[in-house]
Protein backbone atom coordinates (compact mmCIF):
# COMPACT_ATOMS: atom_id res chain seq x y z
CA MET A 1 -5.69 -7.00 -5.46
CA LEU A 2 -1.98 -6.63 -5.87
CA VAL A 3 -0.87 -9.22 -8.43
CA GLN A 4 2.70 -10.49 -8.33
CA TYR A 5 3.56 -12.49 -11.44
CA ARG A 6 6.03 -15.29 -10.67
CA ARG A 7 8.88 -16.41 -12.88
CA ASP A 8 7.49 -19.97 -12.68
CA GLY A 9 4.24 -18.84 -14.32
CA GLY A 10 2.15 -18.59 -11.16
CA THR A 11 0.73 -15.55 -9.42
CA ARG A 12 0.67 -14.32 -5.84
CA LEU A 13 -2.35 -12.26 -4.87
CA PHE A 14 -2.23 -9.79 -2.01
CA ARG A 15 -5.38 -8.15 -0.69
CA GLN A 16 -5.17 -4.37 -0.63
CA HIS A 17 -5.94 -4.19 3.08
CA ASP A 18 -3.14 -6.68 3.80
CA HIS A 19 -0.78 -4.52 1.76
CA ALA A 20 -1.85 -1.52 3.88
CA LEU A 21 -1.24 -3.49 7.09
CA LEU A 22 2.27 -4.17 5.77
CA ALA A 23 2.70 -0.43 5.16
CA GLY A 24 1.58 0.10 8.76
CA GLN A 25 4.28 -2.28 9.99
CA LEU A 26 6.87 -0.20 8.14
CA ALA A 27 5.48 2.99 9.67
CA ALA A 28 5.54 1.48 13.16
CA ALA A 29 9.22 0.49 12.75
CA TRP A 30 10.31 3.88 11.36
CA THR A 31 12.79 5.93 13.39
CA GLY A 32 14.17 8.18 10.66
CA ILE A 33 17.62 8.90 9.32
CA GLY A 34 20.18 10.54 11.57
CA ARG A 35 21.48 10.39 15.09
CA ASP A 36 18.24 11.16 16.90
CA PRO A 37 15.70 8.34 16.39
CA SER A 38 12.16 9.64 16.25
CA PRO A 39 9.25 7.18 16.01
CA LEU A 40 6.17 8.37 14.16
CA ALA A 41 2.99 9.42 15.92
CA PHE A 42 0.38 6.76 16.64
CA GLU A 43 -2.30 8.40 14.49
CA LEU A 44 0.01 8.43 11.44
CA VAL A 45 0.88 4.75 11.90
CA LEU A 46 -2.83 3.96 12.28
CA ALA A 47 -3.74 5.96 9.17
CA THR A 48 -1.10 4.10 7.18
CA ALA A 49 -2.31 0.70 8.35
CA LEU A 50 -5.96 1.50 7.61
CA HIS A 51 -5.63 3.50 4.41
CA ASP A 52 -6.89 0.65 2.17
CA VAL A 53 -9.56 -0.77 4.46
CA ALA A 54 -12.01 0.31 1.73
CA TRP A 55 -10.81 -2.63 -0.38
CA ARG A 56 -11.82 -5.39 2.04
CA GLU A 57 -15.15 -6.05 0.35
CA LEU A 58 -13.79 -5.72 -3.19
CA ASP A 59 -10.98 -8.17 -2.47
CA GLU A 60 -13.13 -10.93 -1.00
CA ILE A 61 -13.21 -12.53 -4.46
CA PRO A 62 -10.80 -11.68 -7.32
CA MET A 63 -12.15 -10.32 -10.59
CA LEU A 64 -10.88 -11.71 -13.89
CA ASP A 65 -8.81 -9.55 -16.22
CA SER A 66 -9.99 -10.81 -19.60
CA ASP A 67 -6.85 -9.47 -21.31
CA THR A 68 -4.44 -11.51 -19.19
CA GLY A 69 -6.54 -14.36 -17.80
CA HIS A 70 -5.31 -13.48 -14.33
CA ALA A 71 -6.78 -11.51 -11.45
CA LEU A 72 -7.58 -7.88 -12.17
CA PRO A 73 -5.05 -5.61 -10.39
CA PHE A 74 -6.31 -2.79 -8.20
CA HIS A 75 -5.30 0.00 -10.60
CA ALA A 76 -7.51 -1.50 -13.35
CA TYR A 77 -10.57 -2.03 -11.16
CA PRO A 78 -13.88 -0.49 -12.38
CA LEU A 79 -13.99 3.13 -11.30
CA ASP A 80 -17.59 3.28 -10.07
CA GLU A 81 -17.07 0.31 -7.77
CA LYS A 82 -13.86 1.80 -6.43
CA ILE A 83 -15.50 5.15 -5.63
CA SER A 84 -18.36 3.47 -3.75
CA ALA A 85 -15.89 1.34 -1.80
CA TYR A 86 -13.69 4.35 -1.00
CA ARG A 87 -16.69 6.14 0.50
CA ARG A 88 -17.77 3.17 2.61
CA GLY A 89 -14.23 2.51 3.78
CA LEU A 90 -13.62 6.11 4.75
CA ASP A 91 -16.91 6.09 6.67
CA ASP A 92 -15.57 3.15 8.68
CA VAL A 93 -12.20 4.77 9.32
CA SER A 94 -13.91 8.01 10.38
CA HIS A 95 -15.59 6.13 13.22
CA LEU A 96 -12.25 4.69 14.35
CA HIS A 97 -10.08 7.80 14.18
CA PRO A 98 -10.91 11.09 12.42
CA TYR A 99 -7.27 11.98 11.70
CA ALA A 100 -6.67 8.61 10.05
CA ALA A 101 -9.75 9.22 7.89
CA LEU A 102 -8.51 12.71 7.01
CA LEU A 103 -5.18 11.38 5.73
CA ALA A 104 -6.79 8.45 3.88
CA SER A 105 -9.24 10.83 2.20
CA LEU A 106 -6.39 13.07 1.07
CA HIS A 107 -4.52 10.01 -0.20
CA TYR A 108 -7.43 8.80 -2.36
CA THR A 109 -8.09 12.24 -3.83
CA SER A 110 -4.47 13.09 -4.64
CA PHE A 111 -3.67 10.32 -7.11
CA PRO A 112 -1.91 11.68 -10.23
CA ASP A 113 -4.77 10.60 -12.49
CA ALA A 114 -7.99 11.97 -10.97
CA GLU A 115 -10.05 11.65 -14.16
CA GLY A 116 -13.52 10.37 -13.32
CA LEU A 117 -13.15 11.12 -9.63
CA GLU A 118 -14.95 14.48 -9.69
CA SER A 119 -17.84 13.30 -7.53
CA LEU A 120 -15.45 11.73 -5.05
CA LEU A 121 -13.33 14.89 -4.89
CA GLU A 122 -16.33 17.02 -4.00
CA LEU A 123 -17.76 14.64 -1.41
CA GLU A 124 -14.40 14.05 0.22
CA ALA A 125 -13.70 17.78 0.44
CA GLU A 126 -16.88 18.03 2.51
CA ARG A 127 -15.82 15.09 4.68
CA ARG A 128 -12.40 16.61 5.36
CA SER A 129 -13.99 19.92 6.32
CA ASP A 130 -16.13 18.09 8.89
CA LEU A 131 -13.16 16.07 10.15
CA ARG A 132 -11.02 19.16 10.55
CA GLU A 133 -13.77 20.73 12.63
CA ILE A 134 -13.99 17.63 14.83
CA LEU A 135 -10.20 17.63 15.25
CA GLU A 136 -10.14 21.41 15.73
CA LEU A 137 -7.53 21.81 13.01
CA GLY A 138 -6.72 25.21 11.56
CA ALA A 139 -4.53 26.58 8.80
CA ASP A 140 -1.48 26.29 11.03
CA ASP A 141 -1.91 22.49 10.97
CA ASP A 142 -1.67 22.25 7.18
CA ASP A 143 2.10 21.70 7.14
CA ARG A 144 1.82 18.78 9.55
CA ILE A 145 -0.99 17.21 7.53
CA ALA A 146 0.98 17.56 4.28
CA TRP A 147 4.05 16.06 5.98
CA ASP A 148 2.10 13.08 7.29
CA LEU A 149 0.49 12.51 3.88
CA LYS A 150 3.96 12.28 2.33
CA PHE A 151 4.86 9.63 4.90
CA LEU A 152 1.70 7.66 4.14
CA LYS A 153 2.52 7.70 0.44
CA LEU A 154 6.12 6.65 1.14
CA PHE A 155 5.00 3.59 3.08
CA ASP A 156 2.33 2.83 0.48
CA ASN A 157 5.01 2.83 -2.23
CA LEU A 158 7.44 0.76 -0.16
CA SER A 159 4.78 -1.85 0.60
CA ILE A 160 3.79 -2.12 -3.07
CA PHE A 161 7.48 -2.46 -3.96
CA LEU A 162 7.89 -5.30 -1.47
CA CYS A 163 4.81 -7.10 -2.78
CA LEU A 164 5.64 -6.92 -6.47
CA THR A 165 9.41 -6.97 -6.96
CA PRO A 166 11.22 -9.84 -5.14
CA PRO A 167 13.79 -11.76 -7.22
CA SER A 168 11.37 -14.61 -7.93
CA ALA A 169 8.84 -12.19 -9.44
CA SER A 170 8.68 -11.59 -13.18
CA THR A 171 9.52 -8.02 -14.18
CA ALA A 172 7.79 -8.27 -17.57
CA GLU A 173 4.27 -7.71 -16.24
CA GLN A 174 5.08 -5.18 -13.52
CA PRO A 175 3.50 -1.73 -13.91
CA VAL A 176 6.12 0.82 -14.89
CA TRP A 177 5.32 3.00 -11.89
CA VAL A 178 6.47 0.31 -9.47
CA GLU A 179 10.05 1.18 -10.36
CA SER A 180 9.60 4.65 -8.85
CA ALA A 181 9.59 3.01 -5.41
CA ARG A 182 13.25 2.15 -5.96
CA HIS A 183 13.89 5.87 -5.58
CA SER A 184 11.40 6.64 -2.85
CA ARG A 185 12.17 9.81 -0.99
CA THR A 186 11.38 10.59 2.60
CA PRO A 187 9.42 13.77 3.32
CA SER A 188 12.79 15.38 4.09
CA GLY A 189 14.08 14.48 0.62
CA GLU A 190 16.41 11.58 1.44
CA ARG A 191 16.40 8.88 -1.20
CA LEU A 192 16.06 5.27 -0.04
CA HIS A 193 17.91 2.73 -2.18
CA LEU A 194 16.27 -0.70 -2.14
CA THR A 195 18.15 -3.87 -3.10
CA TRP A 196 16.78 -7.39 -2.93
CA VAL A 197 19.35 -9.90 -1.68
CA GLU A 198 17.01 -12.87 -1.45
CA ASP A 199 13.26 -13.36 -1.78
CA ASP A 200 12.90 -12.55 1.90
CA VAL A 201 15.76 -10.09 2.46
CA LEU A 202 15.81 -6.46 1.31
CA HIS A 203 18.68 -4.06 1.95
CA VAL A 204 17.68 -0.43 2.56
CA ASP A 205 20.22 2.37 2.36
CA PRO A 206 20.25 4.61 4.32
CA PHE A 207 18.45 2.53 6.92
CA PRO A 208 15.57 4.37 8.62
CA PHE A 209 14.14 1.60 10.83
CA ARG A 210 14.80 0.50 14.42
CA GLY A 211 17.34 -2.21 13.69
CA PRO A 212 16.71 -5.10 11.29
CA VAL A 213 12.94 -5.36 10.84
CA GLU A 214 10.88 -8.43 10.01
CA VAL A 215 7.51 -7.74 8.40
CA ARG A 216 4.83 -10.09 7.11
CA ILE A 217 1.92 -10.20 4.72
CA ALA A 218 -0.76 -12.75 3.84
CA TYR A 219 -1.08 -13.97 0.24
CA ARG A 220 -2.57 -16.71 -1.91
CA GLU A 221 -0.68 -18.34 -4.76
CA PHE A 222 -1.79 -20.47 -7.70
CA LYS A 223 -1.21 -21.07 -11.39
CA GLY A 224 -3.10 -19.48 -14.28
CA PRO A 225 -4.23 -18.12 -16.67
CA PHE A 226 -7.97 -18.78 -16.46
CA GLU A 227 -10.62 -18.81 -19.14
CA SER A 228 -13.46 -17.70 -16.90
CA GLU A 229 -14.30 -15.80 -13.73
CA GLU A 230 -15.60 -19.02 -12.22
CA ALA A 231 -12.30 -20.84 -12.78
CA LEU A 232 -10.32 -18.01 -11.17
CA ARG A 233 -12.64 -17.92 -8.18
CA ALA A 234 -12.43 -21.69 -7.78
CA ALA A 235 -8.63 -21.45 -7.67
CA TRP A 236 -8.86 -18.60 -5.15
CA ASP A 237 -11.22 -20.60 -2.93
CA ALA A 238 -9.05 -23.72 -3.15
CA ALA A 239 -5.91 -21.81 -2.15
CA SER A 240 -5.26 -21.08 1.51
CA ASP A 241 -3.72 -17.98 3.02
CA ARG A 242 0.04 -18.17 3.48
CA THR A 243 2.35 -15.78 5.27
CA TRP A 244 5.40 -14.22 3.65
CA TRP A 245 8.04 -12.93 6.09
CA ILE A 246 10.51 -10.32 4.82
CA TRP A 247 13.62 -8.99 6.54
CA LEU A 248 14.60 -5.35 5.99
CA ARG A 249 18.27 -4.84 6.80
CA PRO A 250 20.91 -2.12 6.45
CA ALA A 251 23.11 -2.43 3.38
CA PRO A 252 26.59 -3.73 4.32
CA ARG A 253 29.33 -1.14 4.40
CA LEU A 254 32.44 -1.68 2.32
CA ALA A 255 35.67 -1.87 4.31
C-alpha cells in the first residue's frame, strides 16, 4: 500500500498495482523534452504499467502498522512475503511479455537497500538470463535496457510523488525519500520541477507530455488510527473505491 496521510487526520490508501497503472499512464503520455516529440516504445509503457503487479495479492487487505495504528506502507512490509510476491508477480509478467518482466526484475533487484534480498538477486539473475535468451538480446542491447530501466524508475518516482504529496496531504509522515521526486531527472539528465497548484493540478517544468494530461488512480479513504488489524480491515471493507483525477500541465511562463 501507498499511504497518504491527510491534513484532516484521515488516510488515503493506494494499491501498489494501481500506482503502477498510474505510472503507465505517465509513460504512455510521454513525448520527451525538445522539438521532436518521441513517444516511448510499447514494451516500455507496458513494463511500467505492470511493474508492481506482484503486489495485487498483498494489497487485497491492508496490514496494520502497530507503531502508527494505520495501514502498513509498502516499504515496511515483511521482507519474506515481499520476496515471494515478487517471484509470483514476475512469473505472471513473464507470460505476458518477456521484456516487461526483464525490466521489472531489474527494478526489484536494483533498490538502494538490497539487504536480505540475496536469494531474490540470485534467482532473478537466472530469470533474466533466460528472458534475454528468449528475446535474443546480446551485450549490444545493454545500453537500451539500462535506458529503459531509468525511465521506469522515473515514472515510478513521479507516480509515488503524485500519490503522496498533494496540498491536502500531511508532510509530517511522508518518507524523506519522497522529496527526491521533486528533482526527478530524465534519463538524459533533465530535471523536472513539480509544483502542486491544487489537489488535482500539478505543474511540470519543463513539460515532457503530449499536451495537458489527465491521469487517474483508484483509492480508498477513511479515518484512523486503529487498535487492531480487524478494525483496520473492517474500515477497508466498508470503504468503496473512489477515483482521483489529476491534471498535469505546463508551468505558466512569465511575461
